[in-house]
Amino acid sequence: MIERKLWKVGELAKETGITVRTLHHYDQIGLLSPSQHSESGHRLYAETDITRLQQIMSLKQLGFALDKVKELMANPNFNPIQVIELHLESLEEHIRLEREMYSRLEGIYHMLRRRQDVKTDEFIKLIEVMNMDVNAYFTKEQLEKLNKRAELLGQEAIKDAENEWPGLIAKVRTELEKGTPPESPVVVELAKRWQELVGMFTGGDPEITQSAERLYRENPDQATQFGIDKELWLYVKKAMAKVNA
């Protein structure tokens, strides 16, 4: 008889790189509960739990929020093969863009090493590829919606909103540094305005909002250049939860 392997929560965390805290959270919200427990009450994860964990991580990387992941996996028509197919397609496009960017950067690097002049067109093409990475996060339909939304808003409204962002971010950071609780009225009001500005560009589309959050979550440098670090983002998200309560 072949003995099935079981993982304690600490062992699973160590082998997967997922924190114990995250695994405990998944258990608490009913997303991933261990199949078994030891006599002393320790969580024990079986092979079927590992399979489910992989599906959860794939859906998360595809941009789904945890509540949506839970909803999808509870559906009797849920197809784990399709999840992997979607994940593979997303990764394949990301890898293609990374390879193209690497190739162009390598070409510029060698030209600079040989003290050759790099044509402006080469830099333009590189910037184009760097911006194309957005396609790894937004679908074609979502990008079309964003473009139409921009046309509806007009350049003046977009400029006004862009000019408001730095001040709003600074105000939120001030409250964070003061230690103001995120559920306080002043922070909730700032979070409400934050949501309104995001809604101006997304049209309130929750899927576009999720894609944008995934873009900044996986590319923190892009958010940091606007003054939004992880701590600030988590802070304003807690305040947003009160706005939507």
C-alpha atoms as a PDB file:
ATOM      1  CA  MET A   1       0.000   0.000   0.000  1.00  0.00           C
ATOM      2  CA  ILE A   2       1.411   3.387  -1.061  1.00  0.00           C
ATOM      3  CA  GLU A   3       1.318   5.964   1.725  1.00  0.00           C
ATOM      4  CA  ARG A   4      -0.010   9.306   0.520  1.00  0.00           C
ATOM      5  CA  LYS A   5       2.109  12.318   1.379  1.00  0.00           C
ATOM      6  CA  LEU A   6       0.700  14.949   3.688  1.00  0.00           C
ATOM      7  CA  TRP A   7       2.072  18.437   4.283  1.00  0.00           C
ATOM      8  CA  LYS A   8       1.886  20.478   7.450  1.00  0.00           C
ATOM      9  CA  VAL A   9       1.098  24.144   6.838  1.00  0.00           C
ATOM     10  CA  GLY A  10       4.707  25.179   7.546  1.00  0.00           C
ATOM     11  CA  GLU A  11       6.087  22.532   5.183  1.00  0.00           C
ATOM     12  CA  LEU A  12       3.704  23.562   2.422  1.00  0.00           C
ATOM     13  CA  ALA A  13       4.596  27.224   2.917  1.00  0.00           C
ATOM     14  CA  LYS A  14       8.309  26.438   2.706  1.00  0.00           C
ATOM     15  CA  GLU A  15       7.999  24.336  -0.443  1.00  0.00           C
ATOM     16  CA  THR A  16       5.647  26.667  -2.340  1.00  0.00           C
ATOM     17  CA  GLY A  17       6.814  30.075  -1.131  1.00  0.00           C
ATOM     18  CA  ILE A  18       3.269  30.925  -0.036  1.00  0.00           C
ATOM     19  CA  THR A  19       3.193  32.305   3.491  1.00  0.00           C
ATOM     20  CA  VAL A  20       1.594  30.468   6.400  1.00  0.00           C
ATOM     21  CA  ARG A  21      -0.547  33.549   6.951  1.00  0.00           C
ATOM     22  CA  THR A  22      -1.903  33.320   3.393  1.00  0.00           C
ATOM     23  CA  LEU A  23      -2.702  29.621   3.761  1.00  0.00           C
ATOM     24  CA  HIS A  24      -4.487  30.328   7.050  1.00  0.00           C
ATOM     25  CA  HIS A  25      -6.458  33.098   5.308  1.00  0.00           C
ATOM     26  CA  TYR A  26      -7.503  30.761   2.491  1.00  0.00           C
ATOM     27  CA  ASP A  27      -8.717  28.316   5.133  1.00  0.00           C
ATOM     28  CA  GLN A  28     -10.651  30.998   7.019  1.00  0.00           C
ATOM     29  CA  ILE A  29     -12.537  32.184   3.928  1.00  0.00           C
ATOM     30  CA  GLY A  30     -13.270  28.635   2.787  1.00  0.00           C
ATOM     31  CA  LEU A  31     -11.154  28.839  -0.337  1.00  0.00           C
ATOM     32  CA  LEU A  32      -8.645  26.133   0.569  1.00  0.00           C
ATOM     33  CA  SER A  33      -9.144  24.076   3.698  1.00  0.00           C
ATOM     34  CA  PRO A  34      -6.798  21.173   4.511  1.00  0.00           C
ATOM     35  CA  SER A  35      -8.293  17.749   3.883  1.00  0.00           C
ATOM     36  CA  GLN A  36      -7.040  16.333   7.148  1.00  0.00           C
ATOM     37  CA  HIS A  37      -5.861  17.241  10.633  1.00  0.00           C
ATOM     38  CA  SER A  38      -3.389  15.466  12.860  1.00  0.00           C
ATOM     39  CA  GLU A  39      -4.375  14.088  16.249  1.00  0.00           C
ATOM     40  CA  SER A  40      -2.915  17.232  17.807  1.00  0.00           C
ATOM     41  CA  GLY A  41      -5.047  19.421  15.523  1.00  0.00           C
ATOM     42  CA  HIS A  42      -2.401  20.516  13.006  1.00  0.00           C
ATOM     43  CA  ARG A  43      -3.545  21.223   9.452  1.00  0.00           C
ATOM     44  CA  LEU A  44      -2.517  18.493   6.989  1.00  0.00           C
ATOM     45  CA  TYR A  45      -2.700  19.179   3.254  1.00  0.00           C
ATOM     46  CA  ALA A  46      -3.127  16.259   0.839  1.00  0.00           C
ATOM     47  CA  GLU A  47      -2.229  15.996  -2.849  1.00  0.00           C
ATOM     48  CA  THR A  48      -5.752  17.075  -3.871  1.00  0.00           C
ATOM     49  CA  ASP A  49      -5.268  20.243  -1.819  1.00  0.00           C
ATOM     50  CA  ILE A  50      -2.040  21.001  -3.703  1.00  0.00           C
ATOM     51  CA  THR A  51      -3.910  20.659  -7.002  1.00  0.00           C
ATOM     52  CA  ARG A  52      -6.547  23.096  -5.797  1.00  0.00           C
ATOM     53  CA  LEU A  53      -3.853  25.499  -4.579  1.00  0.00           C
ATOM     54  CA  GLN A  54      -2.274  25.517  -8.046  1.00  0.00           C
ATOM     55  CA  GLN A  55      -5.660  26.366  -9.586  1.00  0.00           C
ATOM     56  CA  ILE A  56      -6.129  29.203  -7.100  1.00  0.00           C
ATOM     57  CA  MET A  57      -2.702  30.654  -7.904  1.00  0.00           C
ATOM     58  CA  SER A  58      -3.340  30.415 -11.657  1.00  0.00           C
ATOM     59  CA  LEU A  59      -6.648  32.257 -11.332  1.00  0.00           C
ATOM     60  CA  LYS A  60      -4.989  34.898  -9.140  1.00  0.00           C
ATOM     61  CA  GLN A  61      -2.250  35.448 -11.718  1.00  0.00           C
ATOM     62  CA  LEU A  62      -4.946  35.798 -14.377  1.00  0.00           C
ATOM     63  CA  GLY A  63      -6.229  38.777 -12.363  1.00  0.00           C
ATOM     64  CA  PHE A  64      -9.202  37.332 -10.474  1.00  0.00           C
ATOM     65  CA  ALA A  65      -9.921  38.564  -6.938  1.00  0.00           C
ATOM     66  CA  LEU A  66     -10.187  35.913  -4.217  1.00  0.00           C
ATOM     67  CA  ASP A  67     -13.978  36.167  -3.955  1.00  0.00           C
ATOM     68  CA  LYS A  68     -14.246  35.605  -7.716  1.00  0.00           C
ATOM     69  CA  VAL A  69     -11.775  32.688  -7.515  1.00  0.00           C
ATOM     70  CA  LYS A  70     -13.943  31.111  -4.836  1.00  0.00           C
ATOM     71  CA  GLU A  71     -17.076  31.633  -6.923  1.00  0.00           C
ATOM     72  CA  LEU A  72     -15.501  30.122 -10.035  1.00  0.00           C
ATOM     73  CA  MET A  73     -14.170  27.063  -8.242  1.00  0.00           C
ATOM     74  CA  ALA A  74     -17.524  26.446  -6.551  1.00  0.00           C
ATOM     75  CA  ASN A  75     -19.218  26.269  -9.943  1.00  0.00           C
ATOM     76  CA  PRO A  76     -19.978  22.625 -10.860  1.00  0.00           C
ATOM     77  CA  ASN A  77     -18.954  23.447 -14.452  1.00  0.00           C
ATOM     78  CA  PHE A  78     -15.524  24.671 -13.337  1.00  0.00           C
ATOM     79  CA  ASN A  79     -12.896  23.309 -15.727  1.00  0.00           C
ATOM     80  CA  PRO A  80      -9.339  23.246 -14.300  1.00  0.00           C
ATOM     81  CA  ILE A  81      -7.921  22.391 -17.730  1.00  0.00           C
ATOM     82  CA  GLN A  82      -9.320  25.619 -19.145  1.00  0.00           C
ATOM     83  CA  VAL A  83      -7.701  27.590 -16.307  1.00  0.00           C
ATOM     84  CA  ILE A  84      -4.296  26.149 -17.195  1.00  0.00           C
ATOM     85  CA  GLU A  85      -4.896  26.868 -20.890  1.00  0.00           C
ATOM     86  CA  LEU A  86      -5.730  30.514 -20.119  1.00  0.00           C
ATOM     87  CA  HIS A  87      -2.702  30.794 -17.844  1.00  0.00           C
ATOM     88  CA  LEU A  88      -0.443  29.319 -20.517  1.00  0.00           C
ATOM     89  CA  GLU A  89      -1.767  31.749 -23.131  1.00  0.00           C
ATOM     90  CA  SER A  90      -1.170  34.686 -20.794  1.00  0.00           C
ATOM     91  CA  LEU A  91       2.362  33.537 -19.980  1.00  0.00           C
ATOM     92  CA  GLU A  92       3.151  32.823 -23.615  1.00  0.00           C
ATOM     93  CA  GLU A  93       2.252  36.394 -24.583  1.00  0.00           C
ATOM     94  CA  HIS A  94       4.253  37.777 -21.646  1.00  0.00           C
ATOM     95  CA  ILE A  95       7.292  35.656 -22.588  1.00  0.00           C
ATOM     96  CA  ARG A  96       7.039  36.769 -26.223  1.00  0.00           C
ATOM     97  CA  LEU A  97       7.086  40.424 -25.180  1.00  0.00           C
ATOM     98  CA  GLU A  98       9.965  39.857 -22.747  1.00  0.00           C
ATOM     99  CA  ARG A  99      12.004  38.146 -25.474  1.00  0.00           C
ATOM    100  CA  GLU A 100      11.353  40.946 -27.932  1.00  0.00           C
ATOM    101  CA  MET A 101      12.308  43.536 -25.323  1.00  0.00           C
ATOM    102  CA  TYR A 102      15.476  41.570 -24.482  1.00  0.00           C
ATOM    103  CA  SER A 103      16.425  41.366 -28.156  1.00  0.00           C
ATOM    104  CA  ARG A 104      16.010  45.098 -28.718  1.00  0.00           C
ATOM    105  CA  LEU A 105      17.850  46.003 -25.504  1.00  0.00           C
ATOM    106  CA  GLU A 106      20.687  43.648 -26.436  1.00  0.00           C
ATOM    107  CA  GLY A 107      20.993  45.278 -29.846  1.00  0.00           C
ATOM    108  CA  ILE A 108      21.156  48.777 -28.329  1.00  0.00           C
ATOM    109  CA  TYR A 109      23.644  47.554 -25.699  1.00  0.00           C
ATOM    110  CA  HIS A 110      26.047  46.216 -28.348  1.00  0.00           C
ATOM    111  CA  MET A 111      25.776  49.387 -30.418  1.00  0.00           C
ATOM    112  CA  LEU A 112      26.572  51.524 -27.382  1.00  0.00           C
ATOM    113  CA  ARG A 113      29.487  49.244 -26.453  1.00  0.00           C
ATOM    114  CA  ARG A 114      30.918  49.756 -29.953  1.00  0.00           C
ATOM    115  CA  ARG A 115      30.306  53.500 -29.510  1.00  0.00           C
ATOM    116  CA  GLN A 116      27.901  53.476 -32.420  1.00  0.00           C
ATOM    117  CA  ASP A 117      25.129  56.004 -32.619  1.00  0.00           C
ATOM    118  CA  VAL A 118      21.758  54.476 -31.792  1.00  0.00           C
ATOM    119  CA  LYS A 119      19.037  55.722 -34.089  1.00  0.00           C
ATOM    120  CA  THR A 120      16.017  57.297 -32.430  1.00  0.00           C
ATOM    121  CA  ASP A 121      13.850  54.710 -34.202  1.00  0.00           C
ATOM    122  CA  GLU A 122      15.492  51.969 -32.131  1.00  0.00           C
ATOM    123  CA  PHE A 123      14.508  53.679 -28.887  1.00  0.00           C
ATOM    124  CA  ILE A 124      10.987  54.281 -30.216  1.00  0.00           C
ATOM    125  CA  LYS A 125      10.612  50.601 -31.055  1.00  0.00           C
ATOM    126  CA  LEU A 126      11.896  49.629 -27.607  1.00  0.00           C
ATOM    127  CA  ILE A 127       9.435  51.978 -25.894  1.00  0.00           C
ATOM    128  CA  GLU A 128       6.666  50.521 -28.052  1.00  0.00           C
ATOM    129  CA  VAL A 129       7.505  46.992 -26.898  1.00  0.00           C
ATOM    130  CA  MET A 130       7.674  48.126 -23.272  1.00  0.00           C
ATOM    131  CA  ASN A 131       4.223  49.663 -23.565  1.00  0.00           C
ATOM    132  CA  MET A 132       2.908  46.568 -25.332  1.00  0.00           C
ATOM    133  CA  ASP A 133       3.334  44.720 -22.043  1.00  0.00           C
ATOM    134  CA  VAL A 134      -0.005  46.255 -21.088  1.00  0.00           C
ATOM    135  CA  ASN A 135      -1.567  43.699 -23.436  1.00  0.00           C
ATOM    136  CA  ALA A 136      -0.513  40.993 -21.003  1.00  0.00           C
ATOM    137  CA  TYR A 137      -2.910  42.494 -18.455  1.00  0.00           C
ATOM    138  CA  PHE A 138      -5.784  43.988 -20.464  1.00  0.00           C
ATOM    139  CA  THR A 139      -7.820  42.180 -23.099  1.00  0.00           C
ATOM    140  CA  LYS A 140      -8.322  43.758 -26.506  1.00  0.00           C
ATOM    141  CA  GLU A 141     -11.943  44.511 -25.574  1.00  0.00           C
ATOM    142  CA  GLN A 142     -10.867  46.190 -22.326  1.00  0.00           C
ATOM    143  CA  LEU A 143      -8.322  48.387 -24.122  1.00  0.00           C
ATOM    144  CA  GLU A 144     -11.019  49.393 -26.626  1.00  0.00           C
ATOM    145  CA  LYS A 145     -13.325  50.329 -23.739  1.00  0.00           C
ATOM    146  CA  LEU A 146     -10.554  52.399 -22.137  1.00  0.00           C
ATOM    147  CA  ASN A 147      -9.901  54.219 -25.413  1.00  0.00           C
ATOM    148  CA  LYS A 148     -13.613  54.962 -25.883  1.00  0.00           C
ATOM    149  CA  ARG A 149     -13.826  56.134 -22.296  1.00  0.00           C
ATOM    150  CA  ALA A 150     -10.912  58.512 -22.883  1.00  0.00           C
ATOM    151  CA  GLU A 151     -12.658  59.915 -25.965  1.00  0.00           C
ATOM    152  CA  LEU A 152     -15.839  60.491 -23.959  1.00  0.00           C
ATOM    153  CA  LEU A 153     -13.999  62.246 -21.139  1.00  0.00           C
ATOM    154  CA  GLY A 154     -11.981  64.493 -23.407  1.00  0.00           C
ATOM    155  CA  GLN A 155      -8.440  65.739 -22.943  1.00  0.00           C
ATOM    156  CA  GLU A 156      -9.348  68.541 -20.533  1.00  0.00           C
ATOM    157  CA  ALA A 157     -11.160  66.242 -18.067  1.00  0.00           C
ATOM    158  CA  ILE A 158      -8.341  63.700 -18.269  1.00  0.00           C
ATOM    159  CA  LYS A 159      -5.754  66.404 -17.591  1.00  0.00           C
ATOM    160  CA  ASP A 160      -7.734  67.712 -14.606  1.00  0.00           C
ATOM    161  CA  ALA A 161      -7.976  64.187 -13.141  1.00  0.00           C
ATOM    162  CA  GLU A 162      -4.268  63.536 -13.705  1.00  0.00           C
ATOM    163  CA  ASN A 163      -3.417  66.822 -11.980  1.00  0.00           C
ATOM    164  CA  GLU A 164      -5.594  65.876  -8.984  1.00  0.00           C
ATOM    165  CA  TRP A 165      -3.923  62.489  -8.401  1.00  0.00           C
ATOM    166  CA  PRO A 166      -0.618  63.678  -6.828  1.00  0.00           C
ATOM    167  CA  GLY A 167      -2.421  65.805  -4.258  1.00  0.00           C
ATOM    168  CA  LEU A 168      -4.865  63.030  -3.399  1.00  0.00           C
ATOM    169  CA  ILE A 169      -2.064  60.481  -2.984  1.00  0.00           C
ATOM    170  CA  ALA A 170      -0.157  62.948  -0.781  1.00  0.00           C
ATOM    171  CA  LYS A 171      -3.218  63.466   1.447  1.00  0.00           C
ATOM    172  CA  VAL A 172      -3.679  59.715   1.891  1.00  0.00           C
ATOM    173  CA  ARG A 173      -0.003  59.307   2.738  1.00  0.00           C
ATOM    174  CA  THR A 174      -0.223  62.088   5.317  1.00  0.00           C
ATOM    175  CA  GLU A 175      -3.054  60.252   7.089  1.00  0.00           C
ATOM    176  CA  LEU A 176      -1.121  56.977   6.897  1.00  0.00           C
ATOM    177  CA  GLU A 177       1.982  58.549   8.442  1.00  0.00           C
ATOM    178  CA  LYS A 178      -0.129  60.207  11.154  1.00  0.00           C
ATOM    179  CA  GLY A 179      -1.462  56.778  12.082  1.00  0.00           C
ATOM    180  CA  THR A 180      -5.062  57.651  11.219  1.00  0.00           C
ATOM    181  CA  PRO A 181      -7.157  54.451  11.092  1.00  0.00           C
ATOM    182  CA  PRO A 182      -8.260  53.616   7.515  1.00  0.00           C
ATOM    183  CA  GLU A 183     -11.881  53.420   8.672  1.00  0.00           C
ATOM    184  CA  SER A 184     -11.857  57.022   9.932  1.00  0.00           C
ATOM    185  CA  PRO A 185     -14.241  59.409   8.086  1.00  0.00           C
ATOM    186  CA  VAL A 186     -11.432  61.561   6.666  1.00  0.00           C
ATOM    187  CA  VAL A 187      -9.617  58.579   5.114  1.00  0.00           C
ATOM    188  CA  VAL A 188     -12.850  56.984   3.881  1.00  0.00           C
ATOM    189  CA  GLU A 189     -13.713  60.267   2.143  1.00  0.00           C
ATOM    190  CA  LEU A 190     -10.292  60.309   0.461  1.00  0.00           C
ATOM    191  CA  ALA A 191     -10.756  56.674  -0.584  1.00  0.00           C
ATOM    192  CA  LYS A 192     -14.164  57.567  -2.024  1.00  0.00           C
ATOM    193  CA  ARG A 193     -12.578  60.245  -4.202  1.00  0.00           C
ATOM    194  CA  TRP A 194      -9.839  57.756  -5.167  1.00  0.00           C
ATOM    195  CA  GLN A 195     -12.524  55.363  -6.400  1.00  0.00           C
ATOM    196  CA  GLU A 196     -14.291  58.159  -8.269  1.00  0.00           C
ATOM    197  CA  LEU A 197     -11.111  59.065 -10.157  1.00  0.00           C
ATOM    198  CA  VAL A 198     -10.442  55.416 -11.026  1.00  0.00           C
ATOM    199  CA  GLY A 199     -14.069  55.104 -12.126  1.00  0.00           C
ATOM    200  CA  MET A 200     -13.663  58.058 -14.474  1.00  0.00           C
ATOM    201  CA  PHE A 201     -11.133  56.086 -16.501  1.00  0.00           C
ATOM    202  CA  THR A 202     -12.564  52.574 -16.117  1.00  0.00           C
ATOM    203  CA  GLY A 203     -16.200  53.521 -16.450  1.00  0.00           C
ATOM    204  CA  GLY A 204     -16.802  51.493 -13.302  1.00  0.00           C
ATOM    205  CA  ASP A 205     -15.976  48.246 -15.117  1.00  0.00           C
ATOM    206  CA  PRO A 206     -14.895  45.831 -12.331  1.00  0.00           C
ATOM    207  CA  GLU A 207     -12.913  43.584 -14.712  1.00  0.00           C
ATOM    208  CA  ILE A 208     -10.871  46.526 -16.024  1.00  0.00           C
ATOM    209  CA  THR A 209     -10.277  47.635 -12.429  1.00  0.00           C
ATOM    210  CA  GLN A 210      -9.058  44.122 -11.533  1.00  0.00           C
ATOM    211  CA  SER A 211      -6.722  44.100 -14.544  1.00  0.00           C
ATOM    212  CA  ALA A 212      -5.285  47.490 -13.554  1.00  0.00           C
ATOM    213  CA  GLU A 213      -4.767  46.324  -9.962  1.00  0.00           C
ATOM    214  CA  ARG A 214      -2.985  43.208 -11.230  1.00  0.00           C
ATOM    215  CA  LEU A 215      -0.731  45.332 -13.468  1.00  0.00           C
ATOM    216  CA  TYR A 216       0.400  47.474 -10.537  1.00  0.00           C
ATOM    217  CA  ARG A 217       0.580  44.498  -8.157  1.00  0.00           C
ATOM    218  CA  GLU A 218       2.935  42.602 -10.478  1.00  0.00           C
ATOM    219  CA  ASN A 219       4.862  45.713 -11.543  1.00  0.00           C
ATOM    220  CA  PRO A 220       5.279  47.684  -8.303  1.00  0.00           C
ATOM    221  CA  ASP A 221       7.852  50.017  -9.862  1.00  0.00           C
ATOM    222  CA  GLN A 222       5.136  51.533 -12.038  1.00  0.00           C
ATOM    223  CA  ALA A 223       3.004  52.328  -8.994  1.00  0.00           C
ATOM    224  CA  THR A 224       5.984  53.548  -6.943  1.00  0.00           C
ATOM    225  CA  GLN A 225       6.805  56.222  -9.506  1.00  0.00           C
ATOM    226  CA  PHE A 226       3.420  57.779  -8.681  1.00  0.00           C
ATOM    227  CA  GLY A 227       4.092  57.582  -4.946  1.00  0.00           C
ATOM    228  CA  ILE A 228       1.970  54.485  -4.348  1.00  0.00           C
ATOM    229  CA  ASP A 229       3.848  51.791  -2.468  1.00  0.00           C
ATOM    230  CA  LYS A 230       2.431  48.544  -1.099  1.00  0.00           C
ATOM    231  CA  GLU A 231       1.758  49.967   2.367  1.00  0.00           C
ATOM    232  CA  LEU A 232      -0.188  52.930   0.979  1.00  0.00           C
ATOM    233  CA  TRP A 233      -2.155  50.706  -1.389  1.00  0.00           C
ATOM    234  CA  LEU A 234      -3.217  48.299   1.381  1.00  0.00           C
ATOM    235  CA  TYR A 235      -4.175  51.282   3.539  1.00  0.00           C
ATOM    236  CA  VAL A 236      -6.429  52.861   0.926  1.00  0.00           C
ATOM    237  CA  LYS A 237      -7.927  49.459   0.036  1.00  0.00           C
ATOM    238  CA  LYS A 238      -9.048  49.041   3.667  1.00  0.00           C
ATOM    239  CA  ALA A 239     -10.666  52.479   3.500  1.00  0.00           C
ATOM    240  CA  MET A 240     -12.356  51.558   0.203  1.00  0.00           C
ATOM    241  CA  ALA A 241     -13.912  48.542   1.898  1.00  0.00           C
ATOM    242  CA  LYS A 242     -15.708  51.003   4.197  1.00  0.00           C
ATOM    243  CA  VAL A 243     -16.830  53.080   1.212  1.00  0.00           C
ATOM    244  CA  ASN A 244     -18.455  50.002  -0.313  1.00  0.00           C
ATOM    245  CA  ALA A 245     -19.831  48.628   2.961  1.00  0.00           C
END
